[in-house]
C-alpha atoms as a PDB file:
ATOM      1  CA  MET A   1     -72.139  16.285   4.163  1.00  0.00           C
ATOM      2  CA  LEU A   2     -69.203  16.489   6.552  1.00  0.00           C
ATOM      3  CA  TRP A   3     -68.364  13.497   8.651  1.00  0.00           C
ATOM      4  CA  SER A   4     -66.494  12.993  11.880  1.00  0.00           C
ATOM      5  CA  GLU A   5     -65.022  10.010  13.668  1.00  0.00           C
ATOM      6  CA  ASP A   6     -68.075  10.051  15.947  1.00  0.00           C
ATOM      7  CA  SER A   7     -70.606   9.957  13.110  1.00  0.00           C
ATOM      8  CA  MET A   8     -69.010   6.903  11.444  1.00  0.00           C
ATOM      9  CA  PRO A   9     -68.157   4.142  13.926  1.00  0.00           C
ATOM     10  CA  GLY A  10     -64.836   2.402  13.305  1.00  0.00           C
ATOM     11  CA  ILE A  11     -63.598   5.012  10.840  1.00  0.00           C
ATOM     12  CA  GLY A  12     -61.253   6.551  13.416  1.00  0.00           C
ATOM     13  CA  SER A  13     -59.343   3.352  14.085  1.00  0.00           C
ATOM     14  CA  ARG A  14     -59.159   2.600  10.340  1.00  0.00           C
ATOM     15  CA  TYR A  15     -57.927   6.142   9.691  1.00  0.00           C
ATOM     16  CA  ARG A  16     -55.230   5.776  12.354  1.00  0.00           C
ATOM     17  CA  ARG A  17     -54.110   2.425  10.869  1.00  0.00           C
ATOM     18  CA  VAL A  18     -53.912   3.965   7.385  1.00  0.00           C
ATOM     19  CA  CYS A  19     -51.861   6.859   8.776  1.00  0.00           C
ATOM     20  CA  VAL A  20     -49.483   4.477  10.558  1.00  0.00           C
ATOM     21  CA  TRP A  21     -48.984   2.397   7.406  1.00  0.00           C
ATOM     22  CA  ALA A  22     -48.487   5.539   5.338  1.00  0.00           C
ATOM     23  CA  ALA A  23     -45.824   6.724   7.790  1.00  0.00           C
ATOM     24  CA  VAL A  24     -44.091   3.322   7.625  1.00  0.00           C
ATOM     25  CA  LEU A  25     -44.083   3.386   3.812  1.00  0.00           C
ATOM     26  CA  VAL A  26     -42.723   6.945   3.736  1.00  0.00           C
ATOM     27  CA  GLY A  27     -39.998   5.880   6.179  1.00  0.00           C
ATOM     28  CA  LEU A  28     -39.050   2.898   4.031  1.00  0.00           C
ATOM     29  CA  CYS A  29     -38.916   5.066   0.907  1.00  0.00           C
ATOM     30  CA  CYS A  30     -36.689   7.589   2.689  1.00  0.00           C
ATOM     31  CA  ALA A  31     -34.388   4.786   3.883  1.00  0.00           C
ATOM     32  CA  GLN A  32     -34.121   3.444   0.326  1.00  0.00           C
ATOM     33  CA  VAL A  33     -33.288   6.901  -1.042  1.00  0.00           C
ATOM     34  CA  PHE A  34     -30.677   7.386   1.692  1.00  0.00           C
ATOM     35  CA  PHE A  35     -29.144   3.976   0.912  1.00  0.00           C
ATOM     36  CA  GLN A  36     -29.030   4.769  -2.812  1.00  0.00           C
ATOM     37  CA  VAL A  37     -27.382   8.136  -2.133  1.00  0.00           C
ATOM     38  CA  SER A  38     -24.822   6.588   0.214  1.00  0.00           C
ATOM     39  CA  VAL A  39     -23.911   3.920  -2.363  1.00  0.00           C
ATOM     40  CA  THR A  40     -23.703   6.261  -5.335  1.00  0.00           C
ATOM     41  CA  SER A  41     -21.717   8.852  -3.371  1.00  0.00           C
ATOM     42  CA  ALA A  42     -18.803   6.374  -3.487  1.00  0.00           C
ATOM     43  CA  GLN A  43     -18.746   6.794  -7.288  1.00  0.00           C
ATOM     44  CA  ASP A  44     -16.114   9.529  -7.607  1.00  0.00           C
ATOM     45  CA  PRO A  45     -15.452  10.405 -11.276  1.00  0.00           C
ATOM     46  CA  ALA A  46     -12.012  11.756 -10.335  1.00  0.00           C
ATOM     47  CA  PHE A  47     -10.967   8.341  -8.993  1.00  0.00           C
ATOM     48  CA  ARG A  48     -10.195   6.219 -12.067  1.00  0.00           C
ATOM     49  CA  LEU A  49      -8.852   2.715 -12.634  1.00  0.00           C
ATOM     50  CA  THR A  50      -7.054   1.888 -15.905  1.00  0.00           C
ATOM     51  CA  SER A  51      -4.777  -0.804 -17.286  1.00  0.00           C
ATOM     52  CA  PRO A  52      -1.857  -0.633 -19.710  1.00  0.00           C
ATOM     53  CA  SER A  53      -2.594  -4.323 -20.382  1.00  0.00           C
ATOM     54  CA  PHE A  54      -6.057  -3.795 -21.945  1.00  0.00           C
ATOM     55  CA  GLN A  55      -8.477  -1.007 -22.788  1.00  0.00           C
ATOM     56  CA  ALA A  56     -11.736  -0.475 -20.915  1.00  0.00           C
ATOM     57  CA  ASN A  57     -14.564  -2.638 -22.318  1.00  0.00           C
ATOM     58  CA  ALA A  58     -12.123  -4.325 -24.718  1.00  0.00           C
ATOM     59  CA  ASP A  59     -10.751  -7.864 -24.911  1.00  0.00           C
ATOM     60  CA  ILE A  60      -8.308  -9.011 -22.245  1.00  0.00           C
ATOM     61  CA  PRO A  61      -5.253 -10.492 -24.013  1.00  0.00           C
ATOM     62  CA  ALA A  62      -4.903 -14.277 -23.655  1.00  0.00           C
ATOM     63  CA  ARG A  63      -1.649 -13.991 -21.677  1.00  0.00           C
ATOM     64  CA  PHE A  64      -3.691 -12.742 -18.706  1.00  0.00           C
ATOM     65  CA  THR A  65      -6.070 -15.733 -18.879  1.00  0.00           C
ATOM     66  CA  CYS A  66      -6.004 -19.510 -18.425  1.00  0.00           C
ATOM     67  CA  SER A  67      -5.511 -19.759 -22.202  1.00  0.00           C
ATOM     68  CA  GLY A  68      -2.114 -18.085 -21.824  1.00  0.00           C
ATOM     69  CA  ASP A  69       0.338 -17.382 -19.003  1.00  0.00           C
ATOM     70  CA  ASP A  70      -2.384 -16.567 -16.436  1.00  0.00           C
ATOM     71  CA  LEU A  71      -0.563 -13.403 -15.371  1.00  0.00           C
ATOM     72  CA  SER A  72      -2.361 -10.632 -13.540  1.00  0.00           C
ATOM     73  CA  PRO A  73      -2.725  -7.529 -15.731  1.00  0.00           C
ATOM     74  CA  ALA A  74      -0.991  -4.310 -14.833  1.00  0.00           C
ATOM     75  CA  LEU A  75      -3.331  -1.781 -13.202  1.00  0.00           C
ATOM     76  CA  ALA A  76      -2.983   1.919 -12.460  1.00  0.00           C
ATOM     77  CA  TRP A  77      -5.233   4.439 -10.741  1.00  0.00           C
ATOM     78  CA  SER A  78      -5.527   8.130 -10.031  1.00  0.00           C
ATOM     79  CA  ASP A  79      -5.184   9.751  -6.617  1.00  0.00           C
ATOM     80  CA  PRO A  80      -7.765   8.477  -4.132  1.00  0.00           C
ATOM     81  CA  PRO A  81      -9.785  10.996  -2.117  1.00  0.00           C
ATOM     82  CA  ALA A  82      -8.415  12.696   0.980  1.00  0.00           C
ATOM     83  CA  GLY A  83      -8.758  10.544   4.075  1.00  0.00           C
ATOM     84  CA  THR A  84      -8.012   7.269   2.275  1.00  0.00           C
ATOM     85  CA  GLN A  85      -6.280   4.845   4.650  1.00  0.00           C
ATOM     86  CA  SER A  86      -6.105   1.773   2.406  1.00  0.00           C
ATOM     87  CA  LEU A  87      -7.164   0.382  -0.964  1.00  0.00           C
ATOM     88  CA  ALA A  88      -8.893  -2.891  -1.827  1.00  0.00           C
ATOM     89  CA  LEU A  89      -9.364  -4.563  -5.208  1.00  0.00           C
ATOM     90  CA  ILE A  90     -11.877  -7.224  -6.224  1.00  0.00           C
ATOM     91  CA  ALA A  91     -11.964  -8.769  -9.720  1.00  0.00           C
ATOM     92  CA  ASP A  92     -14.790 -11.079 -10.689  1.00  0.00           C
ATOM     93  CA  ASP A  93     -16.903 -12.479 -13.520  1.00  0.00           C
ATOM     94  CA  PRO A  94     -20.621 -11.685 -13.152  1.00  0.00           C
ATOM     95  CA  ASP A  95     -21.425 -13.784 -16.241  1.00  0.00           C
ATOM     96  CA  ALA A  96     -20.175 -17.119 -14.880  1.00  0.00           C
ATOM     97  CA  PRO A  97     -22.760 -19.922 -15.289  1.00  0.00           C
ATOM     98  CA  GLY A  98     -22.915 -20.715 -11.571  1.00  0.00           C
ATOM     99  CA  GLY A  99     -23.101 -17.083 -10.440  1.00  0.00           C
ATOM    100  CA  THR A 100     -20.429 -14.432  -9.939  1.00  0.00           C
ATOM    101  CA  PHE A 101     -16.954 -15.990  -9.909  1.00  0.00           C
ATOM    102  CA  THR A 102     -14.137 -14.264  -7.999  1.00  0.00           C
ATOM    103  CA  HIS A 103     -10.746 -14.044  -9.731  1.00  0.00           C
ATOM    104  CA  TRP A 104      -8.716 -11.741  -7.487  1.00  0.00           C
ATOM    105  CA  VAL A 105      -8.958 -10.207  -4.027  1.00  0.00           C
ATOM    106  CA  LEU A 106      -6.427  -7.718  -2.646  1.00  0.00           C
ATOM    107  CA  TYR A 107      -6.765  -5.504   0.420  1.00  0.00           C
ATOM    108  CA  ASP A 108      -4.814  -3.214   2.750  1.00  0.00           C
ATOM    109  CA  LEU A 109      -2.859  -1.729  -0.150  1.00  0.00           C
ATOM    110  CA  PRO A 110      -1.337   1.522   1.152  1.00  0.00           C
ATOM    111  CA  PRO A 111      -3.034   4.782   0.118  1.00  0.00           C
ATOM    112  CA  SER A 112       0.224   5.888  -1.529  1.00  0.00           C
ATOM    113  CA  ALA A 113       0.076   3.006  -4.056  1.00  0.00           C
ATOM    114  CA  ARG A 114      -0.872   4.035  -7.611  1.00  0.00           C
ATOM    115  CA  ARG A 115      -0.244   0.850  -9.567  1.00  0.00           C
ATOM    116  CA  LEU A 116       0.113  -2.920  -9.575  1.00  0.00           C
ATOM    117  CA  PRO A 117       2.666  -4.390 -11.976  1.00  0.00           C
ATOM    118  CA  GLU A 118       1.892  -7.123 -14.457  1.00  0.00           C
ATOM    119  CA  GLY A 119       2.280 -10.628 -13.071  1.00  0.00           C
ATOM    120  CA  VAL A 120       1.947 -10.055  -9.312  1.00  0.00           C
ATOM    121  CA  PRO A 121       3.273 -13.291  -7.734  1.00  0.00           C
ATOM    122  CA  ARG A 122       0.523 -15.266  -6.046  1.00  0.00           C
ATOM    123  CA  ALA A 123       2.496 -15.776  -2.839  1.00  0.00           C
ATOM    124  CA  SER A 124       3.476 -12.133  -2.395  1.00  0.00           C
ATOM    125  CA  ASP A 125       1.859  -9.243  -0.596  1.00  0.00           C
ATOM    126  CA  PRO A 126       2.139  -6.427  -3.158  1.00  0.00           C
ATOM    127  CA  ASP A 127       3.175  -3.044  -1.768  1.00  0.00           C
ATOM    128  CA  GLY A 128       2.473  -4.199   1.761  1.00  0.00           C
ATOM    129  CA  GLY A 129      -1.092  -5.254   0.957  1.00  0.00           C
ATOM    130  CA  ARG A 130      -2.531  -8.740   1.235  1.00  0.00           C
ATOM    131  CA  GLN A 131      -3.955 -11.130  -1.342  1.00  0.00           C
ATOM    132  CA  GLY A 132      -7.122 -13.049  -0.649  1.00  0.00           C
ATOM    133  CA  ARG A 133      -8.518 -16.373  -1.844  1.00  0.00           C
ATOM    134  CA  ASN A 134     -10.224 -16.579  -5.241  1.00  0.00           C
ATOM    135  CA  ASP A 135     -12.927 -18.996  -6.385  1.00  0.00           C
ATOM    136  CA  PHE A 136     -10.279 -21.340  -7.803  1.00  0.00           C
ATOM    137  CA  ASP A 137      -9.547 -21.876  -4.077  1.00  0.00           C
ATOM    138  CA  ALA A 138      -6.110 -20.321  -4.469  1.00  0.00           C
ATOM    139  CA  ILE A 139      -4.419 -17.213  -3.103  1.00  0.00           C
ATOM    140  CA  GLY A 140      -3.832 -14.393  -5.582  1.00  0.00           C
ATOM    141  CA  TYR A 141      -4.875 -13.899  -9.177  1.00  0.00           C
ATOM    142  CA  GLY A 142      -6.609 -16.534 -11.266  1.00  0.00           C
ATOM    143  CA  GLY A 143      -7.262 -15.328 -14.799  1.00  0.00           C
ATOM    144  CA  PRO A 144     -10.412 -15.483 -16.896  1.00  0.00           C
ATOM    145  CA  CYS A 145     -11.273 -19.064 -17.833  1.00  0.00           C
ATOM    146  CA  PRO A 146     -14.867 -19.110 -19.091  1.00  0.00           C
ATOM    147  CA  PRO A 147     -16.505 -22.073 -20.791  1.00  0.00           C
ATOM    148  CA  PRO A 148     -16.590 -21.887 -24.604  1.00  0.00           C
ATOM    149  CA  GLY A 149     -19.228 -19.503 -25.889  1.00  0.00           C
ATOM    150  CA  SER A 150     -19.997 -15.835 -25.599  1.00  0.00           C
ATOM    151  CA  PRO A 151     -17.352 -13.581 -24.035  1.00  0.00           C
ATOM    152  CA  HIS A 152     -17.718 -12.827 -20.331  1.00  0.00           C
ATOM    153  CA  ARG A 153     -17.251  -9.488 -18.608  1.00  0.00           C
ATOM    154  CA  TYR A 154     -14.519  -9.175 -15.975  1.00  0.00           C
ATOM    155  CA  LEU A 155     -15.005  -6.389 -13.438  1.00  0.00           C
ATOM    156  CA  PHE A 156     -12.035  -4.930 -11.609  1.00  0.00           C
ATOM    157  CA  ARG A 157     -13.290  -2.746  -8.738  1.00  0.00           C
ATOM    158  CA  LEU A 158     -10.917  -0.611  -6.682  1.00  0.00           C
ATOM    159  CA  TYR A 159     -12.128   0.801  -3.356  1.00  0.00           C
ATOM    160  CA  ALA A 160     -10.609   3.737  -1.470  1.00  0.00           C
ATOM    161  CA  LEU A 161     -11.309   3.061   2.210  1.00  0.00           C
ATOM    162  CA  ASP A 162     -11.234   5.198   5.326  1.00  0.00           C
ATOM    163  CA  LYS A 163      -9.503   2.422   7.319  1.00  0.00           C
ATOM    164  CA  LYS A 164      -7.247  -0.618   6.989  1.00  0.00           C
ATOM    165  CA  LEU A 165      -9.239  -3.838   6.963  1.00  0.00           C
ATOM    166  CA  ASN A 166      -6.619  -5.801   8.964  1.00  0.00           C
ATOM    167  CA  LEU A 167      -7.962  -9.140   7.736  1.00  0.00           C
ATOM    168  CA  ARG A 168      -5.879 -12.288   7.823  1.00  0.00           C
ATOM    169  CA  ALA A 169      -4.045 -13.313   4.672  1.00  0.00           C
ATOM    170  CA  GLY A 170      -6.213 -15.374   2.314  1.00  0.00           C
ATOM    171  CA  ALA A 171      -9.499 -13.675   3.210  1.00  0.00           C
ATOM    172  CA  SER A 172     -12.422 -14.318   0.875  1.00  0.00           C
ATOM    173  CA  LYS A 173     -14.256 -11.775  -1.231  1.00  0.00           C
ATOM    174  CA  GLY A 174     -17.156 -12.017   1.217  1.00  0.00           C
ATOM    175  CA  ASP A 175     -14.840 -11.254   4.158  1.00  0.00           C
ATOM    176  CA  VAL A 176     -13.485  -8.192   2.363  1.00  0.00           C
ATOM    177  CA  GLU A 177     -16.916  -6.934   1.277  1.00  0.00           C
ATOM    178  CA  ARG A 178     -18.276  -7.235   4.817  1.00  0.00           C
ATOM    179  CA  ALA A 179     -15.247  -5.437   6.265  1.00  0.00           C
ATOM    180  CA  LEU A 180     -15.344  -2.547   3.782  1.00  0.00           C
ATOM    181  CA  LYS A 181     -19.091  -1.945   4.091  1.00  0.00           C
ATOM    182  CA  GLY A 182     -19.654   1.640   5.188  1.00  0.00           C
ATOM    183  CA  HIS A 183     -15.965   2.545   4.750  1.00  0.00           C
ATOM    184  CA  ALA A 184     -15.700   3.204   0.989  1.00  0.00           C
ATOM    185  CA  LEU A 185     -14.813   6.813   0.231  1.00  0.00           C
ATOM    186  CA  ALA A 186     -14.730   6.129  -3.512  1.00  0.00           C
ATOM    187  CA  GLN A 187     -14.903   3.269  -5.989  1.00  0.00           C
ATOM    188  CA  ALA A 188     -13.386   2.943  -9.465  1.00  0.00           C
ATOM    189  CA  GLU A 189     -14.217   0.224 -11.981  1.00  0.00           C
ATOM    190  CA  LEU A 190     -12.576  -1.232 -15.062  1.00  0.00           C
ATOM    191  CA  ILE A 191     -14.268  -3.819 -17.299  1.00  0.00           C
ATOM    192  CA  GLY A 192     -12.511  -6.198 -19.676  1.00  0.00           C
ATOM    193  CA  ARG A 193     -13.906  -9.043 -21.781  1.00  0.00           C
ATOM    194  CA  PHE A 194     -12.725 -12.511 -22.657  1.00  0.00           C
ATOM    195  CA  GLY A 195     -14.218 -15.518 -24.434  1.00  0.00           C
ATOM    196  CA  ARG A 196     -12.940 -18.875 -25.625  1.00  0.00           C
END
């Protein structure tokens, strides 16, 4: 037997509510897909970050940690995409016991830069860029210094941005991440490991 809204009281309003909720859910799913696509589109396989100081996914030598000279490792990268106006670098430890620990923040590196030398002085602005504040509450690089136990991962993420961030010197990782949101043309990542 066929039914209509008239033959079943209340079914029409329930049907409309179900349709509205279905439309809301479809909209949310579409927004999530769009967000995922916009985030993953920044992953450009042609934009690569490497280091002559350590191999990807290998141990970071002690000289670049608090167990050694605490020097920043040398980094190098391939050409960023067209339209890049500046570069930003964030290095952190996602395995730290209290949550992700920030070791290095740099921003407003010029798009022409292709490397950072070993041992960037903490007080300097390399290649015209600026160094931010790390979670040791210091400007510049602070090397891996995990508690004794299993090795931690250290993520070096380089962002190619469509603008200069123009943040004050000593900006935090949070400041930089908020400023670069929606402006990353590409992102490259390098992972090293260190344990004591």
